[in-house]
PDB file of all heavy atoms in Angstrom:
ATOM      1  N   GLU A   1      84.922  96.671 102.385  1.00  0.00           N
ATOM      2  CA  GLU A   1      84.556  95.894 101.211  1.00  0.00           C
ATOM      3  C   GLU A   1      85.795  95.262 100.573  1.00  0.00           C
ATOM      4  O   GLU A   1      85.762  94.098 100.140  1.00  0.00           O
ATOM      5  CB  GLU A   1      83.835  96.793 100.195  1.00  0.00           C
ATOM      6  CG  GLU A   1      83.441  96.098  98.904  1.00  0.00           C
ATOM      7  CD  GLU A   1      82.435  94.974  99.099  1.00  0.00           C
ATOM      8  OE1 GLU A   1      81.801  94.908 100.183  1.00  0.00           O
ATOM      9  OE2 GLU A   1      82.302  94.154  98.183  1.00  0.00           O
ATOM     10  N   ALA A   2      86.887  96.023 100.524  1.00  0.00           N
ATOM     11  CA  ALA A   2      88.130  95.484  99.957  1.00  0.00           C
ATOM     12  C   ALA A   2      88.626  94.303 100.791  1.00  0.00           C
ATOM     13  O   ALA A   2      89.066  93.285 100.231  1.00  0.00           O
ATOM     14  CB  ALA A   2      89.197  96.578  99.909  1.00  0.00           C
ATOM     15  N   GLU A   3      88.539  94.434 102.095  1.00  0.00           N
ATOM     16  CA  GLU A   3      88.986  93.339 102.968  1.00  0.00           C
ATOM     17  C   GLU A   3      88.104  92.105 102.791  1.00  0.00           C
ATOM     18  O   GLU A   3      88.596  90.964 102.772  1.00  0.00           O
ATOM     19  CB  GLU A   3      88.965  93.795 104.424  1.00  0.00           C
ATOM     20  CG  GLU A   3      89.498  92.760 105.399  1.00  0.00           C
ATOM     21  CD  GLU A   3      89.562  93.279 106.813  1.00  0.00           C
ATOM     22  OE1 GLU A   3      88.754  94.165 107.173  1.00  0.00           O
ATOM     23  OE2 GLU A   3      90.418  92.793 107.580  1.00  0.00           O
ATOM     24  N   ARG A   4      86.808  92.313 102.639  1.00  0.00           N
ATOM     25  CA  ARG A   4      85.869  91.191 102.498  1.00  0.00           C
ATOM     26  C   ARG A   4      86.147  90.381 101.247  1.00  0.00           C
ATOM     27  O   ARG A   4      86.013  89.146 101.238  1.00  0.00           O
ATOM     28  CB  ARG A   4      84.434  91.727 102.472  1.00  0.00           C
ATOM     29  CG  ARG A   4      83.361  90.646 102.468  1.00  0.00           C
ATOM     30  CD  ARG A   4      81.969  91.247 102.344  1.00  0.00           C
ATOM     31  NE  ARG A   4      81.752  91.846 101.040  1.00  0.00           N
ATOM     32  CZ  ARG A   4      81.456  91.148  99.943  1.00  0.00           C
ATOM     33  NH1 ARG A   4      81.353  89.822  99.989  1.00  0.00           N
ATOM     34  NH2 ARG A   4      81.267  91.761  98.793  1.00  0.00           N
ATOM     35  N   THR A   5      86.547  91.057 100.169  1.00  0.00           N
ATOM     36  CA  THR A   5      86.745  90.366  98.884  1.00  0.00           C
ATOM     37  C   THR A   5      88.221  90.082  98.580  1.00  0.00           C
ATOM     38  O   THR A   5      88.538  89.642  97.480  1.00  0.00           O
ATOM     39  CB  THR A   5      86.161  91.233  97.745  1.00  0.00           C
ATOM     40  OG1 THR A   5      86.793  92.528  97.758  1.00  0.00           O
ATOM     41  CG2 THR A   5      84.656  91.408  97.922  1.00  0.00           C
ATOM     42  N   ALA A   6      89.094  90.322  99.534  1.00  0.00           N
ATOM     43  CA  ALA A   6      90.534  90.168  99.302  1.00  0.00           C
ATOM     44  C   ALA A   6      90.941  88.700  99.177  1.00  0.00           C
ATOM     45  O   ALA A   6      90.331  87.822  99.795  1.00  0.00           O
ATOM     46  CB  ALA A   6      91.313  90.820 100.438  1.00  0.00           C
ATOM     47  N   PRO A   7      91.981  88.416  98.376  1.00  0.00           N
ATOM     48  CA  PRO A   7      92.501  87.047  98.294  1.00  0.00           C
ATOM     49  C   PRO A   7      92.996  86.587  99.672  1.00  0.00           C
ATOM     50  O   PRO A   7      93.470  87.402 100.472  1.00  0.00           O
ATOM     51  CB  PRO A   7      93.670  87.167  97.310  1.00  0.00           C
ATOM     52  CG  PRO A   7      93.404  88.414  96.537  1.00  0.00           C
ATOM     53  CD  PRO A   7      92.712  89.333  97.489  1.00  0.00           C
ATOM     54  N   PRO A   8      92.910  85.304  99.957  1.00  0.00           N
ATOM     55  CA  PRO A   8      93.328  84.798 101.276  1.00  0.00           C
ATOM     56  C   PRO A   8      94.761  85.170 101.645  1.00  0.00           C
ATOM     57  O   PRO A   8      95.058  85.427 102.813  1.00  0.00           O
ATOM     58  CB  PRO A   8      93.170  83.278 101.121  1.00  0.00           C
ATOM     59  CG  PRO A   8      92.137  83.113 100.059  1.00  0.00           C
ATOM     60  CD  PRO A   8      92.348  84.235  99.109  1.00  0.00           C
ATOM     61  N   ALA A   9      95.640  85.214 100.658  1.00  0.00           N
ATOM     62  CA  ALA A   9      97.057  85.454 100.949  1.00  0.00           C
ATOM     63  C   ALA A   9      97.322  86.820 101.573  1.00  0.00           C
ATOM     64  O   ALA A   9      98.340  87.019 102.240  1.00  0.00           O
ATOM     65  CB  ALA A   9      97.881  85.312  99.659  1.00  0.00           C
ATOM     66  N   ILE A  10      96.401  87.769 101.379  1.00  0.00           N
ATOM     67  CA  ILE A  10      96.661  89.136 101.847  1.00  0.00           C
ATOM     68  C   ILE A  10      95.825  89.499 103.082  1.00  0.00           C
ATOM     69  O   ILE A  10      95.905  90.625 103.586  1.00  0.00           O
ATOM     70  CB  ILE A  10      96.404  90.143 100.708  1.00  0.00           C
ATOM     71  CG1 ILE A  10      97.151  91.458 100.967  1.00  0.00           C
ATOM     72  CG2 ILE A  10      94.910  90.399 100.520  1.00  0.00           C
ATOM     73  CD1 ILE A  10      97.094  92.432  99.806  1.00  0.00           C
ATOM     74  N   LYS A  11      95.058  88.558 103.610  1.00  0.00           N
ATOM     75  CA  LYS A  11      94.177  88.842 104.742  1.00  0.00           C
ATOM     76  C   LYS A  11      94.953  89.374 105.946  1.00  0.00           C
ATOM     77  O   LYS A  11      94.510  90.308 106.627  1.00  0.00           O
ATOM     78  CB  LYS A  11      93.403  87.582 105.135  1.00  0.00           C
ATOM     79  CG  LYS A  11      92.361  87.144 104.116  1.00  0.00           C
ATOM     80  CD  LYS A  11      91.199  88.118 104.024  1.00  0.00           C
ATOM     81  CE  LYS A  11      90.085  87.588 103.135  1.00  0.00           C
ATOM     82  NZ  LYS A  11      88.936  88.521 103.026  1.00  0.00           N
ATOM     83  N   LYS A  12      96.110  88.783 106.232  1.00  0.00           N
ATOM     84  CA  LYS A  12      96.898  89.245 107.380  1.00  0.00           C
ATOM     85  C   LYS A  12      97.417  90.663 107.169  1.00  0.00           C
ATOM     86  O   LYS A  12      97.570  91.432 108.119  1.00  0.00           O
ATOM     87  CB  LYS A  12      98.056  88.283 107.640  1.00  0.00           C
ATOM     88  CG  LYS A  12      97.625  86.929 108.187  1.00  0.00           C
ATOM     89  CD  LYS A  12      98.835  86.046 108.504  1.00  0.00           C
ATOM     90  CE  LYS A  12      98.398  84.709 109.082  1.00  0.00           C
ATOM     91  NZ  LYS A  12      99.581  83.835 109.380  1.00  0.00           N
ATOM     92  N   ALA A  13      97.675  91.002 105.914  1.00  0.00           N
ATOM     93  CA  ALA A  13      98.140  92.356 105.614  1.00  0.00           C
ATOM     94  C   ALA A  13      97.045  93.381 105.914  1.00  0.00           C
ATOM     95  O   ALA A  13      97.339  94.514 106.309  1.00  0.00           O
ATOM     96  CB  ALA A  13      98.584  92.456 104.160  1.00  0.00           C
ATOM     97  N   TYR A  14      95.780  92.993 105.731  1.00  0.00           N
ATOM     98  CA  TYR A  14      94.679  93.900 106.067  1.00  0.00           C
ATOM     99  C   TYR A  14      94.639  94.164 107.567  1.00  0.00           C
ATOM    100  O   TYR A  14      94.336  95.286 108.007  1.00  0.00           O
ATOM    101  CB  TYR A  14      93.342  93.331 105.581  1.00  0.00           C
ATOM    102  CG  TYR A  14      93.027  93.724 104.160  1.00  0.00           C
ATOM    103  CD1 TYR A  14      93.479  92.958 103.096  1.00  0.00           C
ATOM    104  CD2 TYR A  14      92.294  94.880 103.879  1.00  0.00           C
ATOM    105  CE1 TYR A  14      93.201  93.329 101.779  1.00  0.00           C
ATOM    106  CE2 TYR A  14      92.021  95.255 102.574  1.00  0.00           C
ATOM    107  CZ  TYR A  14      92.471  94.471 101.534  1.00  0.00           C
ATOM    108  OH  TYR A  14      92.212  94.852 100.244  1.00  0.00           O
ATOM    109  N   ALA A  15      94.923  93.152 108.357  1.00  0.00           N
ATOM    110  CA  ALA A  15      94.970  93.346 109.807  1.00  0.00           C
ATOM    111  C   ALA A  15      96.076  94.331 110.175  1.00  0.00           C
ATOM    112  O   ALA A  15      95.891  95.213 111.028  1.00  0.00           O
ATOM    113  CB  ALA A  15      95.189  92.005 110.505  1.00  0.00           C
ATOM    114  N   ALA A  16      97.229  94.191 109.497  1.00  0.00           N
ATOM    115  CA  ALA A  16      98.339  95.125 109.742  1.00  0.00           C
ATOM    116  C   ALA A  16      97.961  96.536 109.289  1.00  0.00           C
ATOM    117  O   ALA A  16      98.313  97.533 109.939  1.00  0.00           O
ATOM    118  CB  ALA A  16      99.588  94.647 109.000  1.00  0.00           C
ATOM    119  N   ALA A  17      97.219  96.627 108.180  1.00  0.00           N
ATOM    120  CA  ALA A  17      96.797  97.939 107.681  1.00  0.00           C
ATOM    121  C   ALA A  17      95.824  98.601 108.645  1.00  0.00           C
ATOM    122  O   ALA A  17      95.854  99.824 108.828  1.00  0.00           O
ATOM    123  CB  ALA A  17      96.156  97.782 106.306  1.00  0.00           C
ATOM    124  N   ARG A  18      94.958  97.815 109.266  1.00  0.00           N
ATOM    125  CA  ARG A  18      94.020  98.382 110.255  1.00  0.00           C
ATOM    126  C   ARG A  18      94.793  99.006 111.421  1.00  0.00           C
ATOM    127  O   ARG A  18      94.432 100.087 111.922  1.00  0.00           O
ATOM    128  CB  ARG A  18      93.067  97.306 110.776  1.00  0.00           C
ATOM    129  CG  ARG A  18      91.948  96.975 109.822  1.00  0.00           C
ATOM    130  CD  ARG A  18      90.861  96.151 110.485  1.00  0.00           C
ATOM    131  NE  ARG A  18      89.777  95.877 109.556  1.00  0.00           N
ATOM    132  CZ  ARG A  18      88.779  96.707 109.295  1.00  0.00           C
ATOM    133  NH1 ARG A  18      88.744  97.891 109.898  1.00  0.00           N
ATOM    134  NH2 ARG A  18      87.826  96.374 108.445  1.00  0.00           N
ATOM    135  N   GLU A  19      95.844  98.350 111.856  1.00  0.00           N
ATOM    136  CA  GLU A  19      96.680  98.904 112.932  1.00  0.00           C
ATOM    137  C   GLU A  19      97.357 100.187 112.465  1.00  0.00           C
ATOM    138  O   GLU A  19      97.471 101.154 113.223  1.00  0.00           O
ATOM    139  CB  GLU A  19      97.729  97.872 113.360  1.00  0.00           C
ATOM    140  CG  GLU A  19      97.139  96.627 114.014  1.00  0.00           C
ATOM    141  CD  GLU A  19      98.207  95.611 114.386  1.00  0.00           C
ATOM    142  OE1 GLU A  19      99.409  95.906 114.166  1.00  0.00           O
ATOM    143  OE2 GLU A  19      97.858  94.532 114.892  1.00  0.00           O
ATOM    144  N   TYR A  20      97.797 100.182 111.224  1.00  0.00           N
ATOM    145  CA  TYR A  20      98.453 101.364 110.643  1.00  0.00           C
ATOM    146  C   TYR A  20      97.482 102.541 110.578  1.00  0.00           C
ATOM    147  O   TYR A  20      97.835 103.673 110.928  1.00  0.00           O
ATOM    148  CB  TYR A  20      98.947 100.994 109.243  1.00  0.00           C
ATOM    149  CG  TYR A  20      99.652 102.099 108.493  1.00  0.00           C
ATOM    150  CD1 TYR A  20     100.909 102.542 108.878  1.00  0.00           C
ATOM    151  CD2 TYR A  20      99.065 102.693 107.379  1.00  0.00           C
ATOM    152  CE1 TYR A  20     101.566 103.548 108.173  1.00  0.00           C
ATOM    153  CE2 TYR A  20      99.709 103.686 106.663  1.00  0.00           C
ATOM    154  CZ  TYR A  20     100.963 104.111 107.072  1.00  0.00           C
ATOM    155  OH  TYR A  20     101.600 105.109 106.373  1.00  0.00           O
ATOM    156  N   ILE A  21      96.250 102.267 110.165  1.00  0.00           N
ATOM    157  CA  ILE A  21      95.236 103.319 110.062  1.00  0.00           C
ATOM    158  C   ILE A  21      94.873 103.848 111.449  1.00  0.00           C
ATOM    159  O   ILE A  21      94.667 105.053 111.635  1.00  0.00           O
ATOM    160  CB  ILE A  21      93.988 102.783 109.333  1.00  0.00           C
ATOM    161  CG1 ILE A  21      94.332 102.469 107.866  1.00  0.00           C
ATOM    162  CG2 ILE A  21      92.817 103.761 109.418  1.00  0.00           C
ATOM    163  CD1 ILE A  21      93.312 101.582 107.175  1.00  0.00           C
ATOM    164  N   ALA A  22      94.787 102.946 112.422  1.00  0.00           N
ATOM    165  CA  ALA A  22      94.415 103.348 113.774  1.00  0.00           C
ATOM    166  C   ALA A  22      95.473 104.230 114.419  1.00  0.00           C
ATOM    167  O   ALA A  22      95.160 105.139 115.193  1.00  0.00           O
ATOM    168  CB  ALA A  22      94.170 102.104 114.636  1.00  0.00           C
ATOM    169  N   GLU A  23      96.741 103.965 114.104  1.00  0.00           N
ATOM    170  CA  GLU A  23      97.830 104.734 114.711  1.00  0.00           C
ATOM    171  C   GLU A  23      98.889 105.025 113.645  1.00  0.00           C
ATOM    172  O   GLU A  23      99.996 104.476 113.685  1.00  0.00           O
ATOM    173  CB  GLU A  23      98.433 103.954 115.883  1.00  0.00           C
ATOM    174  CG  GLU A  23      99.242 104.801 116.822  1.00  0.00           C
ATOM    175  CD  GLU A  23      99.682 104.042 118.066  1.00  0.00           C
ATOM    176  OE1 GLU A  23      99.366 102.843 118.189  1.00  0.00           O
ATOM    177  OE2 GLU A  23     100.355 104.658 118.914  1.00  0.00           O
ATOM    178  N   PRO A  24      98.578 105.893 112.690  1.00  0.00           N
ATOM    179  CA  PRO A  24      99.480 106.111 111.550  1.00  0.00           C
ATOM    180  C   PRO A  24     100.811 106.746 111.914  1.00  0.00           C
ATOM    181  O   PRO A  24     101.779 106.598 111.162  1.00  0.00           O
ATOM    182  CB  PRO A  24      98.664 107.032 110.628  1.00  0.00           C
ATOM    183  CG  PRO A  24      97.665 107.684 111.520  1.00  0.00           C
ATOM    184  CD  PRO A  24      97.342 106.671 112.576  1.00  0.00           C
ATOM    185  N   SER A  25     100.879 107.456 113.024  1.00  0.00           N
ATOM    186  CA  SER A  25     102.126 108.138 113.375  1.00  0.00           C
ATOM    187  C   SER A  25     103.136 107.225 114.054  1.00  0.00           C
ATOM    188  O   SER A  25     104.308 107.577 114.169  1.00  0.00           O
ATOM    189  CB  SER A  25     101.829 109.337 114.283  1.00  0.00           C
ATOM    190  OG  SER A  25     101.217 108.913 115.493  1.00  0.00           O
ATOM    191  N   ALA A  26     102.701 106.047 114.508  1.00  0.00           N
ATOM    192  CA  ALA A  26     103.616 105.153 115.229  1.00  0.00           C
ATOM    193  C   ALA A  26     104.779 104.732 114.339  1.00  0.00           C
ATOM    194  O   ALA A  26     105.946 104.865 114.714  1.00  0.00           O
ATOM    195  CB  ALA A  26     102.862 103.932 115.740  1.00  0.00           C
ATOM    196  N   LYS A  27     104.451 104.201 113.170  1.00  0.00           N
ATOM    197  CA  LYS A  27     105.447 103.873 112.156  1.00  0.00           C
ATOM    198  C   LYS A  27     104.867 104.328 110.822  1.00  0.00           C
ATOM    199  O   LYS A  27     104.009 103.643 110.247  1.00  0.00           O
ATOM    200  CB  LYS A  27     105.755 102.371 112.139  1.00  0.00           C
ATOM    201  CG  LYS A  27     106.582 101.902 113.328  1.00  0.00           C
ATOM    202  CD  LYS A  27     107.019 100.458 113.149  1.00  0.00           C
ATOM    203  CE  LYS A  27     107.951 100.029 114.285  1.00  0.00           C
ATOM    204  NZ  LYS A  27     108.431  98.632 114.089  1.00  0.00           N
ATOM    205  N   PRO A  28     105.274 105.498 110.328  1.00  0.00           N
ATOM    206  CA  PRO A  28     104.593 106.116 109.183  1.00  0.00           C
ATOM    207  C   PRO A  28     104.761 105.426 107.839  1.00  0.00           C
ATOM    208  O   PRO A  28     103.952 105.632 106.943  1.00  0.00           O
ATOM    209  CB  PRO A  28     105.187 107.520 109.158  1.00  0.00           C
ATOM    210  CG  PRO A  28     106.498 107.408 109.849  1.00  0.00           C
ATOM    211  CD  PRO A  28     106.307 106.365 110.901  1.00  0.00           C
ATOM    212  N   PHE A  29     105.808 104.619 107.676  1.00  0.00           N
ATOM    213  CA  PHE A  29     105.984 103.919 106.399  1.00  0.00           C
ATOM    214  C   PHE A  29     105.305 102.544 106.476  1.00  0.00           C
ATOM    215  O   PHE A  29     105.370 101.865 107.496  1.00  0.00           O
ATOM    216  CB  PHE A  29     107.467 103.740 106.077  1.00  0.00           C
ATOM    217  CG  PHE A  29     108.094 104.941 105.403  1.00  0.00           C
ATOM    218  CD1 PHE A  29     108.086 106.183 106.019  1.00  0.00           C
ATOM    219  CD2 PHE A  29     108.683 104.838 104.158  1.00  0.00           C
ATOM    220  CE1 PHE A  29     108.646 107.295 105.420  1.00  0.00           C
ATOM    221  CE2 PHE A  29     109.258 105.943 103.530  1.00  0.00           C
ATOM    222  CZ  PHE A  29     109.244 107.172 104.167  1.00  0.00           C
ATOM    223  N   PHE A  30     104.654 102.159 105.383  1.00  0.00           N
ATOM    224  CA  PHE A  30     103.980 100.858 105.310  1.00  0.00           C
ATOM    225  C   PHE A  30     104.323 100.258 103.952  1.00  0.00           C
ATOM    226  O   PHE A  30     103.889 100.763 102.912  1.00  0.00           O
ATOM    227  CB  PHE A  30     102.469 101.048 105.462  1.00  0.00           C
ATOM    228  CG  PHE A  30     101.673  99.779 105.560  1.00  0.00           C
ATOM    229  CD1 PHE A  30     102.148  98.683 106.252  1.00  0.00           C
ATOM    230  CD2 PHE A  30     100.419  99.691 104.958  1.00  0.00           C
ATOM    231  CE1 PHE A  30     101.398  97.513 106.360  1.00  0.00           C
ATOM    232  CE2 PHE A  30      99.655  98.532 105.043  1.00  0.00           C
ATOM    233  CZ  PHE A  30     100.156  97.438 105.754  1.00  0.00           C
ATOM    234  N   THR A  31     105.131  99.215 103.956  1.00  0.00           N
ATOM    235  CA  THR A  31     105.636  98.637 102.716  1.00  0.00           C
ATOM    236  C   THR A  31     105.047  97.254 102.501  1.00  0.00           C
ATOM    237  O   THR A  31     105.152  96.376 103.367  1.00  0.00           O
ATOM    238  CB  THR A  31     107.176  98.541 102.752  1.00  0.00           C
ATOM    239  OG1 THR A  31     107.717  99.839 103.022  1.00  0.00           O
ATOM    240  CG2 THR A  31     107.714  98.045 101.423  1.00  0.00           C
ATOM    241  N   LEU A  32     104.413  97.063 101.347  1.00  0.00           N
ATOM    242  CA  LEU A  32     103.806  95.788 100.988  1.00  0.00           C
ATOM    243  C   LEU A  32     104.581  95.187  99.822  1.00  0.00           C
ATOM    244  O   LEU A  32     104.645  95.765  98.739  1.00  0.00           O
ATOM    245  CB  LEU A  32     102.347  95.993 100.571  1.00  0.00           C
ATOM    246  CG  LEU A  32     101.413  96.557 101.651  1.00  0.00           C
ATOM    247  CD1 LEU A  32     100.134  97.071 101.012  1.00  0.00           C
ATOM    248  CD2 LEU A  32     101.105  95.491 102.683  1.00  0.00           C
ATOM    249  N   VAL A  33     105.172  94.034 100.048  1.00  0.00           N
ATOM    250  CA  VAL A  33     105.986  93.366  99.025  1.00  0.00           C
ATOM    251  C   VAL A  33     105.381  91.998  98.736  1.00  0.00           C
ATOM    252  O   VAL A  33     105.037  91.254  99.662  1.00  0.00           O
ATOM    253  CB  VAL A  33     107.446  93.207  99.509  1.00  0.00           C
ATOM    254  CG1 VAL A  33     108.245  92.368  98.523  1.00  0.00           C
ATOM    255  CG2 VAL A  33     108.098  94.564  99.706  1.00  0.00           C
ATOM    256  N   GLY A  34     105.229  91.672  97.468  1.00  0.00           N
ATOM    257  CA  GLY A  34     104.677  90.372  97.116  1.00  0.00           C
ATOM    258  C   GLY A  34     104.481  90.234  95.629  1.00  0.00           C
ATOM    259  O   GLY A  34     104.700  91.172  94.853  1.00  0.00           O
ATOM    260  N   ASN A  35     104.056  89.059  95.217  1.00  0.00           N
ATOM    261  CA  ASN A  35     103.860  88.780  93.795  1.00  0.00           C
ATOM    262  C   ASN A  35     102.735  89.626  93.206  1.00  0.00           C
ATOM    263  O   ASN A  35     101.864  90.126  93.928  1.00  0.00           O
ATOM    264  CB  ASN A  35     103.525  87.291  93.590  1.00  0.00           C
ATOM    265  CG  ASN A  35     104.688  86.388  93.965  1.00  0.00           C
ATOM    266  OD1 ASN A  35     105.844  86.784  93.860  1.00  0.00           O
ATOM    267  ND2 ASN A  35     104.379  85.172  94.411  1.00  0.00           N
ATOM    268  N   ALA A  36     102.727  89.748  91.896  1.00  0.00           N
ATOM    269  CA  ALA A  36     101.646  90.447  91.201  1.00  0.00           C
ATOM    270  C   ALA A  36     100.335  89.705  91.419  1.00  0.00           C
ATOM    271  O   ALA A  36     100.300  88.474  91.525  1.00  0.00           O
ATOM    272  CB  ALA A  36     101.959  90.543  89.712  1.00  0.00           C
ATOM    273  N   GLY A  37      99.239  90.456  91.506  1.00  0.00           N
ATOM    274  CA  GLY A  37      97.923  89.833  91.606  1.00  0.00           C
ATOM    275  C   GLY A  37      97.532  89.383  92.985  1.00  0.00           C
ATOM    276  O   GLY A  37      96.530  88.675  93.146  1.00  0.00           O
ATOM    277  N   THR A  38      98.274  89.779  94.009  1.00  0.00           N
ATOM    278  CA  THR A  38      97.930  89.367  95.377  1.00  0.00           C
ATOM    279  C   THR A  38      97.072  90.405  96.097  1.00  0.00           C
ATOM    280  O   THR A  38      96.693  90.205  97.252  1.00  0.00           O
ATOM    281  CB  THR A  38      99.203  89.087  96.195  1.00  0.00           C
ATOM    282  OG1 THR A  38     100.101  90.195  96.086  1.00  0.00           O
ATOM    283  CG2 THR A  38      99.899  87.832  95.704  1.00  0.00           C
ATOM    284  N   GLY A  39      96.770  91.525  95.465  1.00  0.00           N
ATOM    285  CA  GLY A  39      95.864  92.498  96.061  1.00  0.00           C
ATOM    286  C   GLY A  39      96.532  93.674  96.738  1.00  0.00           C
ATOM    287  O   GLY A  39      95.889  94.407  97.502  1.00  0.00           O
ATOM    288  N   LYS A  40      97.817  93.896  96.453  1.00  0.00           N
ATOM    289  CA  LYS A  40      98.552  94.974  97.125  1.00  0.00           C
ATOM    290  C   LYS A  40      97.996  96.356  96.762  1.00  0.00           C
ATOM    291  O   LYS A  40      97.848  97.222  97.620  1.00  0.00           O
ATOM    292  CB  LYS A  40     100.039  94.912  96.763  1.00  0.00           C
ATOM    293  CG  LYS A  40     100.741  93.615  97.110  1.00  0.00           C
ATOM    294  CD  LYS A  40     102.224  93.675  96.827  1.00  0.00           C
ATOM    295  CE  LYS A  40     102.556  93.965  95.369  1.00  0.00           C
ATOM    296  NZ  LYS A  40     102.051  92.927  94.447  1.00  0.00           N
TER     297      LYS A  40
END
């Protein structure tokens, strides 16, 4: 639901998050940097 309603600017970050969730041990840190209000 969060991905469906997310602002366009963060859509690619959701794809990266899906990879992170699928294999969390590969690279355990996930850092999201961006302006306020972008959905981080």
